[in-house]
Amino acid sequence: MTTRSASSSSAILLIVILVLTFPLWIGIGAGLFGLIIGLMGAAFGIMAGVFGALVGLIALPFKLLFGWGHGGWFPHFHLNGFLVAIIIVLIVLLLKKKR
């Protein structure tokens, strides 16, 4: 019968530890992968939201002036450019009339 050396015992112990903790390492790796992919998705979502807000800000004056688009969650008053011009002219006439 041969005696085992210290290196063979440590190799067996290392293999046992790796086999027993293998599911833990797979779980940690999968969790980190999911975290990284989730953060990348959040970054793309933030960029798309900023882009949408900028497009909305650019389109807002045209929508207010010409009545383009449909009302979303807010009440829709059909306030187009011609109505705004008439209201401004009426305000100017009323102010001149008071003087």
PDB file of N, CA and C in Angstrom:
ATOM      1  N   MET A   1       0.816  -1.158   0.000  1.00  0.00           N
ATOM      2  CA  MET A   1       0.000   0.000   0.000  1.00  0.00           C
ATOM      3  C   MET A   1       0.875   1.242   0.000  1.00  0.00           C
ATOM      4  N   THR A   2       0.510   2.160  -0.882  1.00  0.00           N
ATOM      5  CA  THR A   2       1.321   3.382  -0.998  1.00  0.00           C
ATOM      6  C   THR A   2       0.701   4.490  -0.160  1.00  0.00           C
ATOM      7  N   THR A   3       1.554   5.329   0.279  1.00  0.00           N
ATOM      8  CA  THR A   3       1.053   6.475   1.049  1.00  0.00           C
ATOM      9  C   THR A   3       0.835   7.656   0.118  1.00  0.00           C
ATOM     10  N   ARG A   4      -0.125   8.406   0.452  1.00  0.00           N
ATOM     11  CA  ARG A   4      -0.425   9.588  -0.380  1.00  0.00           C
ATOM     12  C   ARG A   4       0.453  10.745   0.053  1.00  0.00           C
ATOM     13  N   SER A   5       0.879  11.494  -0.931  1.00  0.00           N
ATOM     14  CA  SER A   5       1.693  12.663  -0.617  1.00  0.00           C
ATOM     15  C   SER A   5       0.782  13.859  -0.345  1.00  0.00           C
ATOM     16  N   ALA A   6       1.349  14.934   0.098  1.00  0.00           N
ATOM     17  CA  ALA A   6       0.583  16.139   0.419  1.00  0.00           C
ATOM     18  C   ALA A   6      -0.010  16.755  -0.841  1.00  0.00           C
ATOM     19  N   SER A   7       0.704  16.629  -1.942  1.00  0.00           N
ATOM     20  CA  SER A   7       0.208  17.254  -3.173  1.00  0.00           C
ATOM     21  C   SER A   7      -1.001  16.501  -3.725  1.00  0.00           C
ATOM     22  N   SER A   8      -1.034  15.178  -3.610  1.00  0.00           N
ATOM     23  CA  SER A   8      -2.188  14.430  -4.104  1.00  0.00           C
ATOM     24  C   SER A   8      -3.401  14.662  -3.217  1.00  0.00           C
ATOM     25  N   SER A   9      -3.201  14.816  -1.916  1.00  0.00           N
ATOM     26  CA  SER A   9      -4.313  15.097  -1.009  1.00  0.00           C
ATOM     27  C   SER A   9      -4.885  16.476  -1.279  1.00  0.00           C
ATOM     28  N   SER A  10      -4.024  17.444  -1.520  1.00  0.00           N
ATOM     29  CA  SER A  10      -4.516  18.792  -1.781  1.00  0.00           C
ATOM     30  C   SER A  10      -5.212  18.856  -3.144  1.00  0.00           C
ATOM     31  N   ALA A  11      -4.751  18.055  -4.102  1.00  0.00           N
ATOM     32  CA  ALA A  11      -5.410  18.025  -5.403  1.00  0.00           C
ATOM     33  C   ALA A  11      -6.809  17.426  -5.281  1.00  0.00           C
ATOM     34  N   ILE A  12      -6.943  16.346  -4.499  1.00  0.00           N
ATOM     35  CA  ILE A  12      -8.256  15.729  -4.283  1.00  0.00           C
ATOM     36  C   ILE A  12      -9.174  16.690  -3.543  1.00  0.00           C
ATOM     37  N   LEU A  13      -8.638  17.373  -2.529  1.00  0.00           N
ATOM     38  CA  LEU A  13      -9.429  18.344  -1.779  1.00  0.00           C
ATOM     39  C   LEU A  13      -9.883  19.491  -2.689  1.00  0.00           C
ATOM     40  N   LEU A  14      -9.005  19.937  -3.562  1.00  0.00           N
ATOM     41  CA  LEU A  14      -9.351  20.999  -4.504  1.00  0.00           C
ATOM     42  C   LEU A  14     -10.449  20.548  -5.456  1.00  0.00           C
ATOM     43  N   ILE A  15     -10.381  19.329  -5.947  1.00  0.00           N
ATOM     44  CA  ILE A  15     -11.406  18.802  -6.846  1.00  0.00           C
ATOM     45  C   ILE A  15     -12.744  18.690  -6.128  1.00  0.00           C
ATOM     46  N   VAL A  16     -12.738  18.209  -4.895  1.00  0.00           N
ATOM     47  CA  VAL A  16     -13.977  18.087  -4.111  1.00  0.00           C
ATOM     48  C   VAL A  16     -14.595  19.474  -3.886  1.00  0.00           C
ATOM     49  N   ILE A  17     -13.763  20.443  -3.519  1.00  0.00           N
ATOM     50  CA  ILE A  17     -14.276  21.807  -3.297  1.00  0.00           C
ATOM     51  C   ILE A  17     -14.863  22.372  -4.586  1.00  0.00           C
ATOM     52  N   LEU A  18     -14.181  22.170  -5.713  1.00  0.00           N
ATOM     53  CA  LEU A  18     -14.692  22.672  -6.990  1.00  0.00           C
ATOM     54  C   LEU A  18     -16.015  22.003  -7.366  1.00  0.00           C
ATOM     55  N   VAL A  19     -16.121  20.702  -7.157  1.00  0.00           N
ATOM     56  CA  VAL A  19     -17.352  19.988  -7.493  1.00  0.00           C
ATOM     57  C   VAL A  19     -18.504  20.449  -6.603  1.00  0.00           C
ATOM     58  N   LEU A  20     -18.233  20.641  -5.329  1.00  0.00           N
ATOM     59  CA  LEU A  20     -19.299  21.049  -4.409  1.00  0.00           C
ATOM     60  C   LEU A  20     -19.729  22.501  -4.611  1.00  0.00           C
ATOM     61  N   THR A  21     -18.800  23.370  -5.004  1.00  0.00           N
ATOM     62  CA  THR A  21     -19.140  24.781  -5.164  1.00  0.00           C
ATOM     63  C   THR A  21     -19.429  25.173  -6.607  1.00  0.00           C
ATOM     64  N   PHE A  22     -19.437  24.203  -7.520  1.00  0.00           N
ATOM     65  CA  PHE A  22     -19.690  24.498  -8.933  1.00  0.00           C
ATOM     66  C   PHE A  22     -21.040  25.197  -9.155  1.00  0.00           C
ATOM     67  N   PRO A  23     -22.127  24.749  -8.562  1.00  0.00           N
ATOM     68  CA  PRO A  23     -23.398  25.465  -8.765  1.00  0.00           C
ATOM     69  C   PRO A  23     -23.368  26.908  -8.258  1.00  0.00           C
ATOM     70  N   LEU A  24     -22.636  27.136  -7.186  1.00  0.00           N
ATOM     71  CA  LEU A  24     -22.502  28.487  -6.659  1.00  0.00           C
ATOM     72  C   LEU A  24     -21.797  29.391  -7.667  1.00  0.00           C
ATOM     73  N   TRP A  25     -20.706  28.900  -8.243  1.00  0.00           N
ATOM     74  CA  TRP A  25     -19.974  29.712  -9.222  1.00  0.00           C
ATOM     75  C   TRP A  25     -20.803  29.950 -10.480  1.00  0.00           C
ATOM     76  N   ILE A  26     -21.552  28.949 -10.917  1.00  0.00           N
ATOM     77  CA  ILE A  26     -22.423  29.134 -12.087  1.00  0.00           C
ATOM     78  C   ILE A  26     -23.495  30.179 -11.771  1.00  0.00           C
ATOM     79  N   GLY A  27     -24.065  30.133 -10.583  1.00  0.00           N
ATOM     80  CA  GLY A  27     -25.080  31.113 -10.188  1.00  0.00           C
ATOM     81  C   GLY A  27     -24.524  32.521 -10.111  1.00  0.00           C
ATOM     82  N   ILE A  28     -23.342  32.663  -9.530  1.00  0.00           N
ATOM     83  CA  ILE A  28     -22.718  33.986  -9.454  1.00  0.00           C
ATOM     84  C   ILE A  28     -22.410  34.517 -10.849  1.00  0.00           C
ATOM     85  N   GLY A  29     -21.883  33.646 -11.711  1.00  0.00           N
ATOM     86  CA  GLY A  29     -21.591  34.071 -13.085  1.00  0.00           C
ATOM     87  C   GLY A  29     -22.844  34.476 -13.846  1.00  0.00           C
ATOM     88  N   ALA A  30     -23.902  33.688 -13.709  1.00  0.00           N
ATOM     89  CA  ALA A  30     -25.150  34.022 -14.399  1.00  0.00           C
ATOM     90  C   ALA A  30     -25.763  35.303 -13.844  1.00  0.00           C
ATOM     91  N   GLY A  31     -25.664  35.491 -12.537  1.00  0.00           N
ATOM     92  CA  GLY A  31     -26.183  36.724 -11.934  1.00  0.00           C
ATOM     93  C   GLY A  31     -25.423  37.949 -12.420  1.00  0.00           C
ATOM     94  N   LEU A  32     -24.101  37.866 -12.491  1.00  0.00           N
ATOM     95  CA  LEU A  32     -23.310  38.988 -12.994  1.00  0.00           C
ATOM     96  C   LEU A  32     -23.600  39.256 -14.464  1.00  0.00           C
ATOM     97  N   PHE A  33     -23.775  38.190 -15.252  1.00  0.00           N
ATOM     98  CA  PHE A  33     -24.120  38.364 -16.667  1.00  0.00           C
ATOM     99  C   PHE A  33     -25.473  39.063 -16.798  1.00  0.00           C
ATOM    100  N   GLY A  34     -26.436  38.640 -16.015  1.00  0.00           N
ATOM    101  CA  GLY A  34     -27.750  39.282 -16.052  1.00  0.00           C
ATOM    102  C   GLY A  34     -27.697  40.732 -15.616  1.00  0.00           C
ATOM    103  N   LEU A  35     -26.884  41.028 -14.618  1.00  0.00           N
ATOM    104  CA  LEU A  35     -26.724  42.403 -14.152  1.00  0.00           C
ATOM    105  C   LEU A  35     -26.122  43.287 -15.238  1.00  0.00           C
ATOM    106  N   ILE A  36     -25.113  42.790 -15.917  1.00  0.00           N
ATOM    107  CA  ILE A  36     -24.469  43.563 -16.978  1.00  0.00           C
ATOM    108  C   ILE A  36     -25.440  43.800 -18.134  1.00  0.00           C
ATOM    109  N   ILE A  37     -26.154  42.761 -18.549  1.00  0.00           N
ATOM    110  CA  ILE A  37     -27.115  42.905 -19.641  1.00  0.00           C
ATOM    111  C   ILE A  37     -28.245  43.854 -19.234  1.00  0.00           C
ATOM    112  N   GLY A  38     -28.698  43.777 -17.994  1.00  0.00           N
ATOM    113  CA  GLY A  38     -29.741  44.682 -17.509  1.00  0.00           C
ATOM    114  C   GLY A  38     -29.290  46.133 -17.494  1.00  0.00           C
ATOM    115  N   LEU A  39     -28.052  46.374 -17.075  1.00  0.00           N
ATOM    116  CA  LEU A  39     -27.527  47.742 -17.079  1.00  0.00           C
ATOM    117  C   LEU A  39     -27.388  48.284 -18.502  1.00  0.00           C
ATOM    118  N   MET A  40     -26.995  47.405 -19.437  1.00  0.00           N
ATOM    119  CA  MET A  40     -26.918  47.849 -20.832  1.00  0.00           C
ATOM    120  C   MET A  40     -28.306  48.171 -21.369  1.00  0.00           C
ATOM    121  N   GLY A  41     -29.295  47.367 -21.016  1.00  0.00           N
ATOM    122  CA  GLY A  41     -30.665  47.647 -21.429  1.00  0.00           C
ATOM    123  C   GLY A  41     -31.174  48.947 -20.836  1.00  0.00           C
ATOM    124  N   ALA A  42     -30.835  49.215 -19.583  1.00  0.00           N
ATOM    125  CA  ALA A  42     -31.233  50.477 -18.957  1.00  0.00           C
ATOM    126  C   ALA A  42     -30.578  51.663 -19.651  1.00  0.00           C
ATOM    127  N   ALA A  43     -29.312  51.510 -20.042  1.00  0.00           N
ATOM    128  CA  ALA A  43     -28.619  52.594 -20.746  1.00  0.00           C
ATOM    129  C   ALA A  43     -29.279  52.875 -22.085  1.00  0.00           C
ATOM    130  N   PHE A  44     -29.624  51.820 -22.828  1.00  0.00           N
ATOM    131  CA  PHE A  44     -30.318  52.019 -24.103  1.00  0.00           C
ATOM    132  C   PHE A  44     -31.696  52.642 -23.881  1.00  0.00           C
ATOM    133  N   GLY A  45     -32.381  52.241 -22.830  1.00  0.00           N
ATOM    134  CA  GLY A  45     -33.683  52.818 -22.527  1.00  0.00           C
ATOM    135  C   GLY A  45     -33.596  54.289 -22.185  1.00  0.00           C
ATOM    136  N   ILE A  46     -32.588  54.667 -21.423  1.00  0.00           N
ATOM    137  CA  ILE A  46     -32.400  56.081 -21.082  1.00  0.00           C
ATOM    138  C   ILE A  46     -32.081  56.890 -22.326  1.00  0.00           C
ATOM    139  N   MET A  47     -31.224  56.350 -23.200  1.00  0.00           N
ATOM    140  CA  MET A  47     -30.897  57.068 -24.436  1.00  0.00           C
ATOM    141  C   MET A  47     -32.132  57.227 -25.317  1.00  0.00           C
ATOM    142  N   ALA A  48     -32.947  56.198 -25.424  1.00  0.00           N
ATOM    143  CA  ALA A  48     -34.159  56.290 -26.236  1.00  0.00           C
ATOM    144  C   ALA A  48     -35.141  57.280 -25.620  1.00  0.00           C
ATOM    145  N   GLY A  49     -35.235  57.319 -24.298  1.00  0.00           N
ATOM    146  CA  GLY A  49     -36.118  58.279 -23.643  1.00  0.00           C
ATOM    147  C   GLY A  49     -35.669  59.711 -23.862  1.00  0.00           C
ATOM    148  N   VAL A  50     -34.369  59.965 -23.777  1.00  0.00           N
ATOM    149  CA  VAL A  50     -33.845  61.311 -24.026  1.00  0.00           C
ATOM    150  C   VAL A  50     -34.084  61.702 -25.478  1.00  0.00           C
ATOM    151  N   PHE A  51     -33.869  60.778 -26.401  1.00  0.00           N
ATOM    152  CA  PHE A  51     -34.123  61.056 -27.818  1.00  0.00           C
ATOM    153  C   PHE A  51     -35.598  61.377 -28.051  1.00  0.00           C
ATOM    154  N   GLY A  52     -36.486  60.609 -27.443  1.00  0.00           N
ATOM    155  CA  GLY A  52     -37.917  60.871 -27.589  1.00  0.00           C
ATOM    156  C   GLY A  52     -38.319  62.209 -27.003  1.00  0.00           C
ATOM    157  N   ALA A  53     -37.725  62.579 -25.869  1.00  0.00           N
ATOM    158  CA  ALA A  53     -38.025  63.883 -25.264  1.00  0.00           C
ATOM    159  C   ALA A  53     -37.544  65.021 -26.155  1.00  0.00           C
ATOM    160  N   LEU A  54     -36.376  64.865 -26.760  1.00  0.00           N
ATOM    161  CA  LEU A  54     -35.870  65.906 -27.654  1.00  0.00           C
ATOM    162  C   LEU A  54     -36.748  66.045 -28.898  1.00  0.00           C
ATOM    163  N   VAL A  55     -37.173  64.929 -29.464  1.00  0.00           N
ATOM    164  CA  VAL A  55     -38.063  64.987 -30.619  1.00  0.00           C
ATOM    165  C   VAL A  55     -39.386  65.638 -30.227  1.00  0.00           C
ATOM    166  N   GLY A  56     -39.880  65.327 -29.038  1.00  0.00           N
ATOM    167  CA  GLY A  56     -41.112  65.944 -28.559  1.00  0.00           C
ATOM    168  C   GLY A  56     -40.965  67.440 -28.367  1.00  0.00           C
ATOM    169  N   LEU A  57     -39.808  67.877 -27.841  1.00  0.00           N
ATOM    170  CA  LEU A  57     -39.582  69.312 -27.669  1.00  0.00           C
ATOM    171  C   LEU A  57     -39.477  70.034 -29.002  1.00  0.00           C
ATOM    172  N   ILE A  58     -38.890  69.382 -29.998  1.00  0.00           N
ATOM    173  CA  ILE A  58     -38.793  69.999 -31.317  1.00  0.00           C
ATOM    174  C   ILE A  58     -40.175  70.075 -31.966  1.00  0.00           C
ATOM    175  N   ALA A  59     -41.002  69.062 -31.778  1.00  0.00           N
ATOM    176  CA  ALA A  59     -42.313  69.020 -32.414  1.00  0.00           C
ATOM    177  C   ALA A  59     -43.365  69.844 -31.679  1.00  0.00           C
ATOM    178  N   LEU A  60     -43.122  70.184 -30.410  1.00  0.00           N
ATOM    179  CA  LEU A  60     -44.124  70.886 -29.609  1.00  0.00           C
ATOM    180  C   LEU A  60     -44.556  72.229 -30.193  1.00  0.00           C
ATOM    181  N   PRO A  61     -43.645  73.104 -30.645  1.00  0.00           N
ATOM    182  CA  PRO A  61     -44.117  74.374 -31.208  1.00  0.00           C
ATOM    183  C   PRO A  61     -44.993  74.187 -32.447  1.00  0.00           C
ATOM    184  N   PHE A  62     -44.655  73.225 -33.291  1.00  0.00           N
ATOM    185  CA  PHE A  62     -45.459  72.986 -34.474  1.00  0.00           C
ATOM    186  C   PHE A  62     -46.837  72.459 -34.108  1.00  0.00           C
ATOM    187  N   LYS A  63     -46.889  71.620 -33.095  1.00  0.00           N
ATOM    188  CA  LYS A  63     -48.179  71.095 -32.652  1.00  0.00           C
ATOM    189  C   LYS A  63     -49.033  72.204 -32.059  1.00  0.00           C
ATOM    190  N   LEU A  64     -48.416  73.102 -31.292  1.00  0.00           N
ATOM    191  CA  LEU A  64     -49.172  74.201 -30.697  1.00  0.00           C
ATOM    192  C   LEU A  64     -49.632  75.208 -31.743  1.00  0.00           C
ATOM    193  N   LEU A  65     -48.774  75.492 -32.714  1.00  0.00           N
ATOM    194  CA  LEU A  65     -49.117  76.504 -33.708  1.00  0.00           C
ATOM    195  C   LEU A  65     -50.114  76.007 -34.748  1.00  0.00           C
ATOM    196  N   PHE A  66     -49.946  74.785 -35.196  1.00  0.00           N
ATOM    197  CA  PHE A  66     -50.735  74.305 -36.316  1.00  0.00           C
ATOM    198  C   PHE A  66     -51.724  73.209 -35.946  1.00  0.00           C
ATOM    199  N   GLY A  67     -51.773  72.809 -34.712  1.00  0.00           N
ATOM    200  CA  GLY A  67     -52.746  71.815 -34.276  1.00  0.00           C
ATOM    201  C   GLY A  67     -52.475  70.419 -34.790  1.00  0.00           C
ATOM    202  N   TRP A  68     -51.205  70.105 -35.035  1.00  0.00           N
ATOM    203  CA  TRP A  68     -50.875  68.773 -35.539  1.00  0.00           C
ATOM    204  C   TRP A  68     -51.013  67.754 -34.433  1.00  0.00           C
ATOM    205  N   GLY A  69     -51.241  66.516 -34.789  1.00  0.00           N
ATOM    206  CA  GLY A  69     -51.286  65.426 -33.831  1.00  0.00           C
ATOM    207  C   GLY A  69     -52.607  65.369 -33.091  1.00  0.00           C
ATOM    208  N   HIS A  70     -52.712  64.427 -32.212  1.00  0.00           N
ATOM    209  CA  HIS A  70     -53.921  64.240 -31.429  1.00  0.00           C
ATOM    210  C   HIS A  70     -53.572  64.388 -29.961  1.00  0.00           C
ATOM    211  N   GLY A  71     -54.561  64.785 -29.183  1.00  0.00           N
ATOM    212  CA  GLY A  71     -54.338  64.929 -27.751  1.00  0.00           C
ATOM    213  C   GLY A  71     -54.056  63.573 -27.138  1.00  0.00           C
ATOM    214  N   GLY A  72     -53.127  63.545 -26.248  1.00  0.00           N
ATOM    215  CA  GLY A  72     -52.792  62.296 -25.586  1.00  0.00           C
ATOM    216  C   GLY A  72     -53.566  62.165 -24.291  1.00  0.00           C
ATOM    217  N   TRP A  73     -52.860  62.244 -23.180  1.00  0.00           N
ATOM    218  CA  TRP A  73     -53.496  62.125 -21.874  1.00  0.00           C
ATOM    219  C   TRP A  73     -54.120  63.442 -21.442  1.00  0.00           C
ATOM    220  N   PHE A  74     -53.722  64.530 -22.096  1.00  0.00           N
ATOM    221  CA  PHE A  74     -54.189  65.858 -21.702  1.00  0.00           C
ATOM    222  C   PHE A  74     -55.409  66.244 -22.531  1.00  0.00           C
ATOM    223  N   PRO A  75     -56.217  67.185 -22.048  1.00  0.00           N
ATOM    224  CA  PRO A  75     -57.375  67.630 -22.843  1.00  0.00           C
ATOM    225  C   PRO A  75     -56.929  68.240 -24.167  1.00  0.00           C
ATOM    226  N   HIS A  76     -57.719  68.063 -25.186  1.00  0.00           N
ATOM    227  CA  HIS A  76     -57.393  68.549 -26.515  1.00  0.00           C
ATOM    228  C   HIS A  76     -58.315  69.708 -26.849  1.00  0.00           C
ATOM    229  N   PHE A  77     -57.759  70.901 -27.020  1.00  0.00           N
ATOM    230  CA  PHE A  77     -58.567  72.101 -27.203  1.00  0.00           C
ATOM    231  C   PHE A  77     -58.624  72.588 -28.642  1.00  0.00           C
ATOM    232  N   HIS A  78     -57.978  71.945 -29.585  1.00  0.00           N
ATOM    233  CA  HIS A  78     -57.947  72.353 -30.998  1.00  0.00           C
ATOM    234  C   HIS A  78     -57.459  73.790 -31.130  1.00  0.00           C
ATOM    235  N   LEU A  79     -56.364  74.114 -30.500  1.00  0.00           N
ATOM    236  CA  LEU A  79     -55.804  75.458 -30.515  1.00  0.00           C
ATOM    237  C   LEU A  79     -54.741  75.495 -31.598  1.00  0.00           C
ATOM    238  N   ASN A  80     -55.107  75.963 -32.802  1.00  0.00           N
ATOM    239  CA  ASN A  80     -54.143  75.987 -33.888  1.00  0.00           C
ATOM    240  C   ASN A  80     -53.599  77.398 -34.090  1.00  0.00           C
ATOM    241  N   GLY A  81     -52.753  77.587 -35.090  1.00  0.00           N
ATOM    242  CA  GLY A  81     -52.084  78.861 -35.316  1.00  0.00           C
ATOM    243  C   GLY A  81     -53.035  79.991 -35.651  1.00  0.00           C
ATOM    244  N   PHE A  82     -54.078  79.703 -36.410  1.00  0.00           N
ATOM    245  CA  PHE A  82     -55.032  80.749 -36.782  1.00  0.00           C
ATOM    246  C   PHE A  82     -55.795  81.249 -35.557  1.00  0.00           C
ATOM    247  N   LEU A  83     -56.190  80.343 -34.698  1.00  0.00           N
ATOM    248  CA  LEU A  83     -56.905  80.732 -33.484  1.00  0.00           C
ATOM    249  C   LEU A  83     -56.002  81.542 -32.560  1.00  0.00           C
ATOM    250  N   VAL A  84     -54.735  81.164 -32.466  1.00  0.00           N
ATOM    251  CA  VAL A  84     -53.784  81.920 -31.651  1.00  0.00           C
ATOM    252  C   VAL A  84     -53.620  83.325 -32.212  1.00  0.00           C
ATOM    253  N   ALA A  85     -53.523  83.450 -33.545  1.00  0.00           N
ATOM    254  CA  ALA A  85     -53.381  84.773 -34.167  1.00  0.00           C
ATOM    255  C   ALA A  85     -54.618  85.627 -33.899  1.00  0.00           C
ATOM    256  N   ILE A  86     -55.801  85.064 -33.994  1.00  0.00           N
ATOM    257  CA  ILE A  86     -57.028  85.814 -33.740  1.00  0.00           C
ATOM    258  C   ILE A  86     -57.076  86.275 -32.286  1.00  0.00           C
ATOM    259  N   ILE A  87     -56.693  85.418 -31.357  1.00  0.00           N
ATOM    260  CA  ILE A  87     -56.689  85.783 -29.940  1.00  0.00           C
ATOM    261  C   ILE A  87     -55.703  86.920 -29.691  1.00  0.00           C
ATOM    262  N   ILE A  88     -54.523  86.877 -30.305  1.00  0.00           N
ATOM    263  CA  ILE A  88     -53.529  87.947 -30.137  1.00  0.00           C
ATOM    264  C   ILE A  88     -54.054  89.259 -30.699  1.00  0.00           C
ATOM    265  N   VAL A  89     -54.680  89.210 -31.880  1.00  0.00           N
ATOM    266  CA  VAL A  89     -55.235  90.426 -32.482  1.00  0.00           C
ATOM    267  C   VAL A  89     -56.334  91.002 -31.591  1.00  0.00           C
ATOM    268  N   LEU A  90     -57.196  90.157 -31.038  1.00  0.00           N
ATOM    269  CA  LEU A  90     -58.251  90.640 -30.146  1.00  0.00           C
ATOM    270  C   LEU A  90     -57.678  91.278 -28.889  1.00  0.00           C
ATOM    271  N   ILE A  91     -56.648  90.686 -28.323  1.00  0.00           N
ATOM    272  CA  ILE A  91     -56.018  91.256 -27.125  1.00  0.00           C
ATOM    273  C   ILE A  91     -55.409  92.614 -27.441  1.00  0.00           C
ATOM    274  N   VAL A  92     -54.730  92.727 -28.595  1.00  0.00           N
ATOM    275  CA  VAL A  92     -54.124  93.999 -28.994  1.00  0.00           C
ATOM    276  C   VAL A  92     -55.206  95.044 -29.207  1.00  0.00           C
ATOM    277  N   LEU A  93     -56.311  94.685 -29.874  1.00  0.00           N
ATOM    278  CA  LEU A  93     -57.411  95.636 -30.104  1.00  0.00           C
ATOM    279  C   LEU A  93     -58.039  96.068 -28.780  1.00  0.00           C
ATOM    280  N   LEU A  94     -58.235  95.146 -27.858  1.00  0.00           N
ATOM    281  CA  LEU A  94     -58.818  95.517 -26.562  1.00  0.00           C
ATOM    282  C   LEU A  94     -57.888  96.424 -25.768  1.00  0.00           C
ATOM    283  N   LEU A  95     -56.585  96.208 -25.840  1.00  0.00           N
ATOM    284  CA  LEU A  95     -55.640  97.053 -25.140  1.00  0.00           C
ATOM    285  C   LEU A  95     -55.592  98.440 -25.746  1.00  0.00           C
ATOM    286  N   LYS A  96     -55.665  98.541 -27.061  1.00  0.00           N
ATOM    287  CA  LYS A  96     -55.674  99.854 -27.732  1.00  0.00           C
ATOM    288  C   LYS A  96     -56.971 100.592 -27.437  1.00  0.00           C
ATOM    289  N   LYS A  97     -58.082  99.857 -27.339  1.00  0.00           N
ATOM    290  CA  LYS A  97     -59.385 100.473 -27.089  1.00  0.00           C
ATOM    291  C   LYS A  97     -59.431 101.092 -25.696  1.00  0.00           C
ATOM    292  N   LYS A  98     -58.782 100.471 -24.710  1.00  0.00           N
ATOM    293  CA  LYS A  98     -58.765 101.004 -23.350  1.00  0.00           C
ATOM    294  C   LYS A  98     -57.968 102.294 -23.265  1.00  0.00           C
ATOM    295  N   ARG A  99     -56.988 102.459 -24.102  1.00  0.00           N
ATOM    296  CA  ARG A  99     -56.146 103.669 -24.068  1.00  0.00           C
ATOM    297  C   ARG A  99     -56.925 104.765 -24.761  1.00  0.00           C
TER     298      ARG A  99
END
